[in-house]
C-alpha atoms as a PDB file:
ATOM      1  CA  MET A   1      11.727 -29.450 -47.449  1.00  0.00           C
ATOM      2  CA  ASN A   2       9.149 -31.033 -45.161  1.00  0.00           C
ATOM      3  CA  PHE A   3      11.726 -31.128 -42.361  1.00  0.00           C
ATOM      4  CA  GLN A   4      12.262 -27.349 -42.600  1.00  0.00           C
ATOM      5  CA  LYS A   5       8.516 -26.629 -42.365  1.00  0.00           C
ATOM      6  CA  LYS A   6       8.234 -28.725 -39.173  1.00  0.00           C
ATOM      7  CA  ASN A   7      11.191 -26.912 -37.626  1.00  0.00           C
ATOM      8  CA  LYS A   8       9.735 -23.515 -38.514  1.00  0.00           C
ATOM      9  CA  LYS A   9       6.398 -24.445 -36.931  1.00  0.00           C
ATOM     10  CA  LYS A  10       8.093 -25.703 -33.769  1.00  0.00           C
ATOM     11  CA  LEU A  11      10.204 -22.560 -33.579  1.00  0.00           C
ATOM     12  CA  LEU A  12       7.150 -20.347 -34.095  1.00  0.00           C
ATOM     13  CA  TYR A  13       5.117 -22.175 -31.410  1.00  0.00           C
ATOM     14  CA  SER A  14       8.051 -22.083 -28.999  1.00  0.00           C
ATOM     15  CA  LEU A  15       8.455 -18.364 -29.575  1.00  0.00           C
ATOM     16  CA  LEU A  16       4.740 -17.734 -28.983  1.00  0.00           C
ATOM     17  CA  VAL A  17       4.775 -19.739 -25.738  1.00  0.00           C
ATOM     18  CA  LEU A  18       7.892 -17.901 -24.597  1.00  0.00           C
ATOM     19  CA  LEU A  19       6.346 -14.489 -25.334  1.00  0.00           C
ATOM     20  CA  LEU A  20       3.101 -15.435 -23.573  1.00  0.00           C
ATOM     21  CA  GLY A  21       5.073 -16.652 -20.531  1.00  0.00           C
ATOM     22  CA  PHE A  22       7.109 -13.442 -20.428  1.00  0.00           C
ATOM     23  CA  TYR A  23       3.929 -11.339 -20.639  1.00  0.00           C
ATOM     24  CA  LEU A  24       2.276 -13.234 -17.766  1.00  0.00           C
ATOM     25  CA  VAL A  25       5.344 -13.052 -15.538  1.00  0.00           C
ATOM     26  CA  TYR A  26       5.823  -9.355 -16.265  1.00  0.00           C
ATOM     27  CA  ASN A  27       2.221  -8.293 -15.615  1.00  0.00           C
ATOM     28  CA  TYR A  28       1.089 -10.605 -12.837  1.00  0.00           C
ATOM     29  CA  ILE A  29       4.184 -11.442 -10.833  1.00  0.00           C
ATOM     30  CA  ILE A  30       6.618  -8.560 -11.187  1.00  0.00           C
ATOM     31  CA  TYR A  31       4.137  -5.664 -11.422  1.00  0.00           C
ATOM     32  CA  LYS A  32       1.194  -6.729  -9.305  1.00  0.00           C
ATOM     33  CA  PRO A  33      -1.709  -4.270  -9.211  1.00  0.00           C
ATOM     34  CA  HIS A  34      -2.043  -2.457  -5.885  1.00  0.00           C
ATOM     35  CA  LYS A  35      -4.639  -3.527  -3.358  1.00  0.00           C
ATOM     36  CA  VAL A  36      -7.953  -1.724  -3.332  1.00  0.00           C
ATOM     37  CA  VAL A  37      -7.999  -0.501   0.246  1.00  0.00           C
ATOM     38  CA  ASP A  38     -11.771   0.025   0.276  1.00  0.00           C
ATOM     39  CA  LYS A  39     -12.533  -3.631  -0.374  1.00  0.00           C
ATOM     40  CA  VAL A  40      -9.799  -5.409   1.602  1.00  0.00           C
ATOM     41  CA  LYS A  41     -10.332  -6.376   5.241  1.00  0.00           C
ATOM     42  CA  SER A  42      -7.989  -4.687   7.727  1.00  0.00           C
ATOM     43  CA  GLU A  43      -5.387  -6.900   9.364  1.00  0.00           C
ATOM     44  CA  PHE A  44      -5.039  -4.488  12.274  1.00  0.00           C
ATOM     45  CA  VAL A  45      -7.739  -2.309  13.815  1.00  0.00           C
ATOM     46  CA  GLY A  46      -6.837  -0.075  16.725  1.00  0.00           C
ATOM     47  CA  ASN A  47      -4.973   2.911  18.053  1.00  0.00           C
ATOM     48  CA  ALA A  48      -2.140   4.446  16.002  1.00  0.00           C
ATOM     49  CA  SER A  49       0.295   4.341  18.931  1.00  0.00           C
ATOM     50  CA  ASP A  50      -0.418   0.609  19.478  1.00  0.00           C
ATOM     51  CA  LEU A  51       0.374  -0.093  15.826  1.00  0.00           C
ATOM     52  CA  LEU A  52       3.586   1.908  16.039  1.00  0.00           C
ATOM     53  CA  ASP A  53       4.675   0.029  19.179  1.00  0.00           C
ATOM     54  CA  SER A  54       3.985  -3.315  17.475  1.00  0.00           C
ATOM     55  CA  ILE A  55       6.009  -2.347  14.418  1.00  0.00           C
ATOM     56  CA  LYS A  56       8.952  -1.127  16.530  1.00  0.00           C
ATOM     57  CA  THR A  57       9.137  -4.457  18.407  1.00  0.00           C
ATOM     58  CA  GLN A  58       8.680  -6.684  15.337  1.00  0.00           C
ATOM     59  CA  ASP A  59      10.317  -6.912  11.936  1.00  0.00           C
ATOM     60  CA  ILE A  60       8.832  -4.372   9.497  1.00  0.00           C
ATOM     61  CA  LYS A  61       8.771  -7.037   6.773  1.00  0.00           C
ATOM     62  CA  LEU A  62       5.874  -8.695   8.609  1.00  0.00           C
ATOM     63  CA  TRP A  63       3.842  -5.508   8.244  1.00  0.00           C
ATOM     64  CA  LEU A  64       4.685  -4.399   4.694  1.00  0.00           C
ATOM     65  CA  ASN A  65       1.670  -4.082   2.362  1.00  0.00           C
ATOM     66  CA  LYS A  66      -0.773  -4.904   5.179  1.00  0.00           C
ATOM     67  CA  ILE A  67      -4.059  -3.017   5.322  1.00  0.00           C
ATOM     68  CA  VAL A  68      -4.671  -1.361   8.696  1.00  0.00           C
ATOM     69  CA  THR A  69      -7.368   0.786  10.254  1.00  0.00           C
ATOM     70  CA  ILE A  70      -5.997   3.175  12.859  1.00  0.00           C
ATOM     71  CA  GLN A  71      -7.259   6.005  15.012  1.00  0.00           C
ATOM     72  CA  GLY A  72      -5.142   8.895  16.227  1.00  0.00           C
ATOM     73  CA  LYS A  73      -4.710  12.643  16.556  1.00  0.00           C
ATOM     74  CA  VAL A  74      -3.804  14.793  13.580  1.00  0.00           C
ATOM     75  CA  THR A  75      -0.572  16.657  14.334  1.00  0.00           C
ATOM     76  CA  SER A  76       0.048  18.205  10.903  1.00  0.00           C
ATOM     77  CA  LYS A  77      -1.017  18.053   7.283  1.00  0.00           C
ATOM     78  CA  ASP A  78       0.302  18.931   3.837  1.00  0.00           C
ATOM     79  CA  ASP A  79      -1.122  18.879   0.299  1.00  0.00           C
ATOM     80  CA  PHE A  80      -0.953  15.090  -0.016  1.00  0.00           C
ATOM     81  CA  GLY A  81      -1.482  13.655   3.454  1.00  0.00           C
ATOM     82  CA  ILE A  82      -1.573  13.993   7.198  1.00  0.00           C
ATOM     83  CA  VAL A  83       0.607  13.034  10.163  1.00  0.00           C
ATOM     84  CA  LEU A  84      -0.980  11.132  13.047  1.00  0.00           C
ATOM     85  CA  ASN A  85       0.501  11.166  16.562  1.00  0.00           C
ATOM     86  CA  GLU A  86       3.669  12.857  15.237  1.00  0.00           C
ATOM     87  CA  ALA A  87       4.893   9.524  13.859  1.00  0.00           C
ATOM     88  CA  ILE A  88       2.582   8.114  11.160  1.00  0.00           C
ATOM     89  CA  TYR A  89       2.422   9.772   7.740  1.00  0.00           C
ATOM     90  CA  CYS A  90      -0.741   8.887   5.828  1.00  0.00           C
ATOM     91  CA  GLN A  91      -0.849   9.713   2.126  1.00  0.00           C
ATOM     92  CA  LEU A  92      -4.510  10.197   1.293  1.00  0.00           C
ATOM     93  CA  LYS A  93      -6.126   8.634  -1.736  1.00  0.00           C
ATOM     94  CA  LYS A  94      -8.214  11.766  -2.418  1.00  0.00           C
ATOM     95  CA  LYS A  95      -6.725  15.220  -1.852  1.00  0.00           C
ATOM     96  CA  SER A  96     -10.143  16.837  -1.428  1.00  0.00           C
ATOM     97  CA  ASN A  97     -10.560  15.287   2.037  1.00  0.00           C
ATOM     98  CA  ILE A  98      -7.618  17.233   3.481  1.00  0.00           C
ATOM     99  CA  GLN A  99      -9.498  20.549   3.600  1.00  0.00           C
ATOM    100  CA  SER A 100     -11.957  19.337   6.246  1.00  0.00           C
ATOM    101  CA  ILE A 101      -9.241  18.050   8.593  1.00  0.00           C
ATOM    102  CA  LYS A 102      -7.816  20.272  11.338  1.00  0.00           C
ATOM    103  CA  ALA A 103      -4.879  19.851  13.720  1.00  0.00           C
ATOM    104  CA  GLU A 104      -5.569  18.131  17.061  1.00  0.00           C
ATOM    105  CA  GLN A 105      -8.618  16.408  15.594  1.00  0.00           C
ATOM    106  CA  SER A 106      -9.160  12.710  16.282  1.00  0.00           C
ATOM    107  CA  ILE A 107      -9.491  10.721  13.070  1.00  0.00           C
ATOM    108  CA  ALA A 108      -9.822   7.105  11.891  1.00  0.00           C
ATOM    109  CA  LEU A 109      -8.026   6.045   8.703  1.00  0.00           C
ATOM    110  CA  LYS A 110      -7.665   2.906   6.638  1.00  0.00           C
ATOM    111  CA  GLY A 111      -4.520   2.473   4.560  1.00  0.00           C
ATOM    112  CA  GLN A 112      -1.687   0.253   3.359  1.00  0.00           C
ATOM    113  CA  ILE A 113       1.683   0.165   5.175  1.00  0.00           C
ATOM    114  CA  ILE A 114       4.571   0.894   2.815  1.00  0.00           C
ATOM    115  CA  GLY A 115       7.464   1.268   5.224  1.00  0.00           C
ATOM    116  CA  TYR A 116       9.076   2.511   8.381  1.00  0.00           C
ATOM    117  CA  ASP A 117      11.801   5.150   8.441  1.00  0.00           C
ATOM    118  CA  ASP A 118      14.217   4.322  11.274  1.00  0.00           C
ATOM    119  CA  LEU A 119      15.997   7.661  11.061  1.00  0.00           C
ATOM    120  CA  LEU A 120      12.849   9.779  11.451  1.00  0.00           C
ATOM    121  CA  GLU A 121      11.007   7.051  13.375  1.00  0.00           C
ATOM    122  CA  GLU A 122       8.032   7.501  11.073  1.00  0.00           C
ATOM    123  CA  LEU A 123       5.618   4.894   9.722  1.00  0.00           C
ATOM    124  CA  LYS A 124       4.319   5.501   6.197  1.00  0.00           C
ATOM    125  CA  LEU A 125       0.918   4.531   4.821  1.00  0.00           C
ATOM    126  CA  LYS A 126      -0.491   5.049   1.330  1.00  0.00           C
ATOM    127  CA  TYR A 127      -3.930   4.883  -0.297  1.00  0.00           C
ATOM    128  CA  CYS A 128      -5.443   6.126   2.989  1.00  0.00           C
ATOM    129  CA  ILE A 129      -9.170   6.620   3.268  1.00  0.00           C
ATOM    130  CA  ILE A 130     -10.787   8.667   6.004  1.00  0.00           C
ATOM    131  CA  LYS A 131     -13.226   6.502   7.914  1.00  0.00           C
ATOM    132  CA  ASN A 132     -14.303   8.847  10.691  1.00  0.00           C
ATOM    133  CA  ILE A 133     -13.561  12.392  11.841  1.00  0.00           C
ATOM    134  CA  GLN A 134     -14.353  13.289  15.424  1.00  0.00           C
ATOM    135  CA  LYS A 135     -14.643  16.935  16.396  1.00  0.00           C
END
C-alpha cells in the first residue's frame, strides 16, 4: 500500500511539472508578445528608399521583426495604413492619425518590419507610429 502512495505522488508531481513546462513553452516561446514599438530603439534610421534598397540586396530574414524609423513621401492611404514611396506599406497602430495625412506629404514613421512581397515589390511594416509630419 505504501508503494502505491509513493507512485501516485511521483506521478502527480511529474504531471504538474509537465503541465507547467508546457504552459511556459506555449506562452513564452511559441507565442511571444509583440514588441512595443514606442519603447524599443530603432535598428535603422533613415530614408525609406535607402531601407528598401538595403532589403532588396540582403536576405529579408535579417530584417524581419526589426524596428525601423523611416522618412518618405506618402503616395496613398487607406483605412488602416499608408504607402510610402510607392513601395512601403505601413499599417498604423492608431487609425485616428490617418485623417491628418495627405498625399505627397513627407512623413517620418517608426514601425516593425513584417515582410517583403517579391511579387508586388512592397515592404510591409506594422505597429507604425507617426513621428513627424512635414507640410
